[in-house]
Amino acid sequence: MLLQILGIVDILAASLLTLNYLGFAFPLLLYISFFIIIKSLLFFDGIVGIMDLIGGLLTVLVSLFSIQLYPLITGILVLWYLQKGFLSLVN
């Protein structure tokens, strides 16, 4: 059950990051990014935890300071969160 909730949070983060990139700012993105950082520190398991931590920090920068990342970096983050979310829901 917890794994599915964390997967939904990852999919929500990908959706909000995509919408933020398109120009729609949501304050929920900041809360989700802090949740992802906390989740990455609690479930730190090698490269996955490092990628979550980096992604969470970049998402905080995007949501706090309205920094637009390169489209490639944003696309990688969105795909990372989507694949983690869908794999969490399937398992």
Protein backbone atom coordinates (compact mmCIF):
# COMPACT_ATOMS: atom_id res chain seq x y z
CA MET A 1 0.00 0.00 0.00
CA LEU A 2 2.81 2.41 0.90
CA LEU A 3 4.58 1.61 -2.37
CA GLN A 4 1.49 2.57 -4.38
CA ILE A 5 1.13 5.86 -2.50
CA LEU A 6 4.76 6.71 -3.20
CA GLY A 7 4.19 5.82 -6.85
CA ILE A 8 1.23 8.18 -7.05
CA VAL A 9 3.38 10.94 -5.54
CA ASP A 10 6.03 10.34 -8.22
CA ILE A 11 3.45 10.50 -11.00
CA LEU A 12 1.99 13.67 -9.48
CA ALA A 13 5.49 15.19 -9.35
CA ALA A 14 6.03 14.38 -13.03
CA SER A 15 2.69 15.90 -13.98
CA LEU A 16 3.25 19.07 -11.96
CA LEU A 17 6.80 19.45 -13.27
CA THR A 18 5.51 19.17 -16.81
CA LEU A 19 2.80 21.74 -16.17
CA ASN A 20 5.32 24.05 -14.50
CA TYR A 21 7.56 23.79 -17.54
CA LEU A 22 4.61 24.76 -19.73
CA GLY A 23 4.01 27.87 -17.64
CA PHE A 24 1.44 26.77 -15.08
CA ALA A 25 2.88 27.23 -11.59
CA PHE A 26 1.45 25.23 -8.72
CA PRO A 27 2.52 25.62 -5.07
CA LEU A 28 1.85 21.90 -4.62
CA LEU A 29 5.04 21.21 -6.61
CA LEU A 30 7.12 22.63 -3.76
CA TYR A 31 5.49 20.33 -1.20
CA ILE A 32 5.82 17.32 -3.47
CA SER A 33 9.50 18.08 -4.08
CA PHE A 34 10.17 18.30 -0.32
CA PHE A 35 8.36 14.99 0.09
CA ILE A 36 10.55 13.43 -2.61
CA ILE A 37 13.69 14.69 -0.87
CA ILE A 38 12.55 13.25 2.45
CA LYS A 39 11.60 10.00 0.74
CA SER A 40 15.00 9.78 -0.93
CA LEU A 41 16.75 10.27 2.41
CA LEU A 42 14.59 7.68 4.18
CA PHE A 43 14.82 5.05 1.45
CA PHE A 44 18.39 5.80 0.36
CA ASP A 45 19.41 2.76 -1.68
CA GLY A 46 22.27 3.62 -3.99
CA ILE A 47 21.77 5.27 -7.35
CA VAL A 48 17.99 5.46 -7.02
CA GLY A 49 18.23 7.50 -3.82
CA ILE A 50 20.87 9.77 -5.33
CA MET A 51 18.75 10.38 -8.43
CA ASP A 52 15.71 11.11 -6.27
CA LEU A 53 17.72 13.54 -4.14
CA ILE A 54 19.10 15.37 -7.18
CA GLY A 55 15.67 15.42 -8.81
CA GLY A 56 14.04 16.70 -5.65
CA LEU A 57 16.61 19.47 -5.26
CA LEU A 58 16.21 20.52 -8.89
CA THR A 59 12.45 20.50 -8.49
CA VAL A 60 12.75 22.73 -5.41
CA LEU A 61 14.83 25.18 -7.45
CA VAL A 62 12.26 25.14 -10.22
CA SER A 63 9.33 25.69 -7.89
CA LEU A 64 10.89 28.25 -5.54
CA PHE A 65 12.82 30.45 -7.94
CA SER A 66 10.94 29.78 -11.20
CA ILE A 67 14.16 28.60 -12.79
CA GLN A 68 13.57 26.95 -16.15
CA LEU A 69 15.88 24.00 -16.59
CA TYR A 70 17.03 22.85 -19.98
CA PRO A 71 14.27 20.88 -21.71
CA LEU A 72 16.47 17.78 -21.69
CA ILE A 73 16.94 17.91 -17.91
CA THR A 74 13.24 18.52 -17.35
CA GLY A 75 12.39 15.66 -19.69
CA ILE A 76 14.77 13.31 -17.89
CA LEU A 77 13.26 14.25 -14.52
CA VAL A 78 9.72 13.76 -15.80
CA LEU A 79 10.57 10.38 -17.33
CA TRP A 80 12.39 9.35 -14.14
CA TYR A 81 9.39 10.17 -11.96
CA LEU A 82 6.93 8.59 -14.39
CA GLN A 83 8.79 5.29 -14.69
CA LYS A 84 9.28 5.09 -10.92
CA GLY A 85 5.63 5.86 -10.33
CA PHE A 86 4.31 3.33 -12.82
CA LEU A 87 6.69 0.62 -11.60
CA SER A 88 5.59 1.30 -8.03
CA LEU A 89 1.95 0.95 -9.02
CA VAL A 90 2.54 -2.27 -10.95
CA ASN A 91 4.47 -4.04 -8.17
